[in-house]
Amino acid sequence: MRIDILSIFPDKIKDFLEFSILERALNKNLFEIYYHDIRDYTEDKHCRVDDTPYGGGGGMILSADPIYNAYLSITENFDEKPYVIFLNPSGNLYNQEKCKSLSKKKNLMLICGRYEGFDQRIIDFIGDEEISIGDYVITGGEIAACVIADSVIRLLPGVLSSENSYVNESHFSILLEHPQYTKPSTWQNIDVPEVLLSGDHKKVDLWKKEQSIERTKNRRPDLYDKYVQKANQNKTEY
């Protein structure tokens, strides 16, 4: 997979994404990632990449031309169009299903929003999707780009030690992850659940599943409803 990230602060993204597990995966050539400063592609003599909005309103809007110039330069030798994502608070809500879908793409391009957003024409012209990482507003798309790139890269083959490193995590299969414990078995007079010390793998697996279901039901009833719906659908199919 190749990921290209366009931003007016690309160095801030690079610092986050190239350490620990992702750094090791990058050194193993398990993916490629490139960072592009949108300002490098503006034709404005003052290196401006934004302007005032038509129709009035506060703030500035990222102009279409610098982003389009960057897109053309980056993709000049591509065999196929990358999947272009504009990071925008009004976009589709990001979740694990979307993450899994994006991890199967050959080329991803993440374009970071700033100020009051993008000129809609550049989104309509080259964009495949707008994505938001949550129902809130942050100062720029750089954090969102880090979230998406990190979550997608860790699903690529060979990045984590094994598939088990992520298949039981929260959201991977709708349910939230079960509680986790480590040594010592007693801490502040609180014992680790006895079943986890039993060595009975079937009982342990059952306990984990039950805990995941209960935790999802209590904390994320929206996800629990999806889980129940999917379970009922599977029963109907068989």
Protein backbone atom coordinates (compact mmCIF):
# COMPACT_ATOMS: atom_id res chain seq x y z
CA MET A 1 0.00 0.00 0.00
CA ARG A 2 1.04 3.56 -0.71
CA ILE A 3 -0.33 6.46 1.34
CA ASP A 4 0.07 10.12 0.36
CA ILE A 5 -0.89 12.79 2.87
CA LEU A 6 -1.42 16.40 1.80
CA SER A 7 -1.27 19.07 4.50
CA ILE A 8 0.08 22.50 5.30
CA PHE A 9 1.83 20.93 8.30
CA PRO A 10 3.19 17.62 6.93
CA ASP A 11 6.11 17.39 9.38
CA LYS A 12 3.70 17.13 12.32
CA ILE A 13 2.14 14.03 10.76
CA LYS A 14 5.47 12.41 9.95
CA ASP A 15 6.61 12.74 13.56
CA PHE A 16 3.57 10.79 14.74
CA LEU A 17 3.45 8.04 12.14
CA GLU A 18 7.08 6.98 11.92
CA PHE A 19 7.87 5.42 15.28
CA SER A 20 7.31 2.17 17.18
CA ILE A 21 5.36 -0.53 15.31
CA LEU A 22 4.75 1.63 12.24
CA GLU A 23 8.41 2.56 11.98
CA ARG A 24 9.42 -1.11 12.00
CA ALA A 25 6.80 -1.90 9.36
CA LEU A 26 8.03 0.99 7.22
CA ASN A 27 11.61 -0.25 7.48
CA LYS A 28 10.42 -3.66 6.32
CA ASN A 29 8.82 -2.03 3.26
CA LEU A 30 5.37 -3.26 4.27
CA PHE A 31 3.92 0.04 3.12
CA GLU A 32 4.98 3.38 1.63
CA ILE A 33 4.02 6.78 3.00
CA TYR A 34 4.73 10.24 1.64
CA TYR A 35 4.02 13.68 3.07
CA HIS A 36 3.31 16.69 0.88
CA ASP A 37 3.14 20.37 1.79
CA ILE A 38 0.25 21.93 -0.11
CA ARG A 39 2.07 25.26 -0.03
CA ASP A 40 4.72 23.81 -2.34
CA TYR A 41 2.13 23.64 -5.10
CA THR A 42 0.60 27.10 -4.96
CA GLU A 43 1.27 29.61 -7.71
CA ASP A 44 0.59 32.55 -5.42
CA LYS A 45 3.73 34.66 -4.88
CA HIS A 46 2.96 34.85 -1.15
CA CYS A 47 2.47 31.04 -0.96
CA ARG A 48 -1.16 31.47 0.05
CA VAL A 49 -3.32 28.36 -0.15
CA ASP A 50 -6.56 29.89 1.13
CA ASP A 51 -8.98 32.74 0.43
CA THR A 52 -12.19 34.31 1.71
CA PRO A 53 -15.49 32.45 1.18
CA TYR A 54 -18.02 33.51 -1.42
CA GLY A 55 -21.29 34.42 0.25
CA GLY A 56 -19.56 35.76 3.33
CA GLY A 57 -18.88 34.10 6.66
CA GLY A 58 -15.98 33.88 9.03
CA GLY A 59 -12.68 32.16 8.36
CA MET A 60 -10.85 31.16 5.21
CA ILE A 61 -11.32 28.39 2.65
CA LEU A 62 -8.59 26.15 1.20
CA SER A 63 -8.34 26.93 -2.50
CA ALA A 64 -8.80 24.31 -5.20
CA ASP A 65 -5.72 25.03 -7.33
CA PRO A 66 -2.89 24.20 -4.87
CA ILE A 67 -4.55 20.90 -3.95
CA TYR A 68 -5.20 20.03 -7.58
CA ASN A 69 -1.63 20.92 -8.57
CA ALA A 70 -0.35 18.65 -5.79
CA TYR A 71 -2.65 15.85 -6.91
CA LEU A 72 -1.48 16.08 -10.52
CA SER A 73 2.19 16.12 -9.55
CA ILE A 74 1.90 13.19 -7.14
CA THR A 75 -0.14 10.97 -9.45
CA GLU A 76 1.73 11.76 -12.64
CA ASN A 77 3.26 8.28 -12.86
CA PHE A 78 0.50 6.32 -11.10
CA ASP A 79 -1.00 3.34 -12.92
CA GLU A 80 -4.41 4.08 -11.42
CA LYS A 81 -6.19 6.84 -9.56
CA PRO A 82 -5.64 6.76 -5.79
CA TYR A 83 -8.62 6.62 -3.45
CA VAL A 84 -8.83 10.26 -2.44
CA ILE A 85 -10.22 11.14 1.00
CA PHE A 86 -10.90 14.68 2.16
CA LEU A 87 -10.78 14.91 5.95
CA ASN A 88 -13.77 17.01 6.86
CA PRO A 89 -16.07 17.25 9.94
CA SER A 90 -19.07 16.94 7.62
CA GLY A 91 -17.81 13.68 6.11
CA ASN A 92 -18.88 10.07 6.67
CA LEU A 93 -18.20 8.87 10.20
CA TYR A 94 -15.06 6.73 10.43
CA ASN A 95 -15.33 3.26 12.00
CA GLN A 96 -13.63 -0.12 11.94
CA GLU A 97 -15.60 -1.33 8.93
CA LYS A 98 -14.38 1.64 6.94
CA CYS A 99 -10.86 1.00 8.23
CA LYS A 100 -10.94 -2.59 6.98
CA SER A 101 -12.24 -1.42 3.61
CA LEU A 102 -9.49 1.18 3.23
CA SER A 103 -6.79 -1.33 4.19
CA LYS A 104 -7.55 -3.18 0.95
CA LYS A 105 -6.85 -0.15 -1.26
CA LYS A 106 -3.63 0.00 -3.29
CA ASN A 107 -3.19 3.78 -3.02
CA LEU A 108 -4.72 6.13 -0.46
CA MET A 109 -4.52 9.90 -0.57
CA LEU A 110 -5.53 11.78 2.58
CA ILE A 111 -6.09 15.52 2.22
CA CYS A 112 -6.14 17.46 5.48
CA GLY A 113 -8.68 20.20 5.99
CA ARG A 114 -7.88 23.51 7.69
CA TYR A 115 -9.67 26.74 8.50
CA GLU A 116 -13.31 26.54 7.34
CA GLY A 117 -12.71 23.67 4.93
CA PHE A 118 -12.24 23.16 1.19
CA ASP A 119 -13.55 24.75 -1.96
CA GLN A 120 -16.26 22.18 -2.73
CA ARG A 121 -15.19 22.00 -6.37
CA ILE A 122 -11.91 20.24 -5.60
CA ILE A 123 -13.78 17.64 -3.53
CA ASP A 124 -16.24 17.05 -6.36
CA PHE A 125 -13.47 16.91 -8.97
CA ILE A 126 -10.96 14.46 -7.48
CA GLY A 127 -12.50 13.19 -4.22
CA ASP A 128 -13.83 9.71 -3.62
CA GLU A 129 -15.04 10.28 -0.09
CA GLU A 130 -15.16 12.75 2.79
CA ILE A 131 -14.45 11.29 6.23
CA SER A 132 -14.86 12.58 9.77
CA ILE A 133 -13.29 10.79 12.73
CA GLY A 134 -16.03 11.89 15.13
CA ASP A 135 -18.90 14.19 15.91
CA TYR A 136 -16.72 17.10 16.97
CA VAL A 137 -14.49 19.70 15.33
CA ILE A 138 -10.70 19.88 15.65
CA THR A 139 -8.33 22.56 14.38
CA GLY A 140 -7.20 20.61 11.33
CA GLY A 141 -7.25 17.32 9.49
CA GLU A 142 -3.72 16.34 10.51
CA ILE A 143 -4.87 14.49 13.61
CA ALA A 144 -7.56 12.75 11.56
CA ALA A 145 -4.97 11.74 8.97
CA CYS A 146 -2.83 10.19 11.71
CA VAL A 147 -5.82 8.29 13.08
CA ILE A 148 -6.81 6.89 9.70
CA ALA A 149 -3.27 6.08 8.54
CA ASP A 150 -2.38 4.39 11.84
CA SER A 151 -5.57 2.31 11.98
CA VAL A 152 -5.27 1.22 8.34
CA ILE A 153 -1.55 0.41 8.39
CA ARG A 154 -1.82 -1.86 11.43
CA LEU A 155 -4.24 -4.09 9.48
CA LEU A 156 -1.77 -4.65 6.65
CA PRO A 157 -0.21 -8.15 6.47
CA GLY A 158 2.94 -8.44 8.54
CA VAL A 159 2.63 -5.15 10.44
CA LEU A 160 1.45 -6.78 13.67
CA SER A 161 2.87 -10.04 14.97
CA SER A 162 -0.28 -12.00 14.08
CA GLU A 163 -3.90 -11.55 13.11
CA ASN A 164 -4.84 -12.29 16.72
CA SER A 165 -3.24 -8.97 17.64
CA TYR A 166 -6.27 -7.14 16.26
CA VAL A 167 -9.18 -9.53 15.59
CA ASN A 168 -10.23 -9.50 19.25
CA GLU A 169 -9.88 -5.76 19.70
CA SER A 170 -12.79 -3.41 20.25
CA HIS A 171 -14.85 -2.70 17.11
CA PHE A 172 -13.13 -5.26 14.87
CA SER A 173 -16.15 -7.57 15.06
CA ILE A 174 -18.64 -4.92 16.29
CA LEU A 175 -18.28 -5.88 19.98
CA LEU A 176 -16.06 -4.00 22.41
CA GLU A 177 -13.06 -5.85 23.76
CA HIS A 178 -13.40 -7.83 26.99
CA PRO A 179 -11.58 -6.72 30.20
CA GLN A 180 -7.87 -7.55 30.35
CA TYR A 181 -5.68 -8.49 33.35
CA THR A 182 -2.01 -9.16 34.04
CA LYS A 183 0.19 -10.15 37.01
CA PRO A 184 -0.09 -10.12 39.98
CA SER A 185 -3.25 -12.22 40.30
CA THR A 186 -4.27 -10.17 43.35
CA TRP A 187 -3.89 -6.39 43.48
CA GLN A 188 -5.32 -4.15 46.23
CA ASN A 189 -7.28 -7.20 47.41
CA ILE A 190 -8.92 -7.47 43.97
CA ASP A 191 -8.53 -10.87 42.31
CA VAL A 192 -8.28 -11.65 38.64
CA PRO A 193 -11.43 -13.55 37.56
CA GLU A 194 -10.88 -17.19 38.48
CA VAL A 195 -11.79 -18.48 35.03
CA LEU A 196 -8.72 -16.77 33.54
CA LEU A 197 -6.48 -18.78 35.85
CA SER A 198 -8.23 -22.10 35.16
CA GLY A 199 -6.32 -23.11 32.04
CA ASP A 200 -9.64 -24.20 30.47
CA HIS A 201 -9.48 -22.51 27.07
CA LYS A 202 -13.12 -23.15 26.19
CA LYS A 203 -14.30 -21.57 29.44
CA VAL A 204 -11.92 -18.66 28.96
CA ASP A 205 -13.15 -18.03 25.40
CA LEU A 206 -16.77 -18.20 26.57
CA TRP A 207 -16.05 -15.75 29.40
CA LYS A 208 -14.36 -13.32 27.01
CA LYS A 209 -17.31 -13.45 24.61
CA GLU A 210 -19.84 -12.94 27.41
CA GLN A 211 -17.86 -10.02 28.81
CA SER A 212 -17.58 -8.42 25.37
CA ILE A 213 -21.32 -8.69 24.85
CA GLU A 214 -22.11 -7.29 28.29
CA ARG A 215 -19.63 -4.43 27.97
CA THR A 216 -20.99 -3.50 24.53
CA LYS A 217 -24.57 -3.64 25.78
CA ASN A 218 -23.80 -1.32 28.70
CA ARG A 219 -21.42 1.12 27.03
CA ARG A 220 -22.44 1.15 23.36
CA PRO A 221 -26.08 0.12 22.96
CA ASP A 222 -25.89 1.26 19.33
CA LEU A 223 -23.20 -1.34 18.61
CA TYR A 224 -25.03 -3.95 20.67
CA ASP A 225 -28.13 -3.48 18.52
CA LYS A 226 -25.98 -4.02 15.40
CA TYR A 227 -24.51 -7.16 16.96
CA VAL A 228 -27.96 -8.58 17.76
CA GLN A 229 -29.21 -7.72 14.29
CA LYS A 230 -26.24 -9.44 12.66
CA ALA A 231 -26.62 -12.51 14.91
CA ASN A 232 -30.32 -12.80 14.01
CA GLN A 233 -29.50 -12.40 10.33
CA ASN A 234 -26.94 -15.24 10.51
CA LYS A 235 -29.53 -17.49 12.20
CA THR A 236 -31.99 -16.75 9.42
CA GLU A 237 -29.45 -17.55 6.71
CA TYR A 238 -28.72 -20.94 8.21
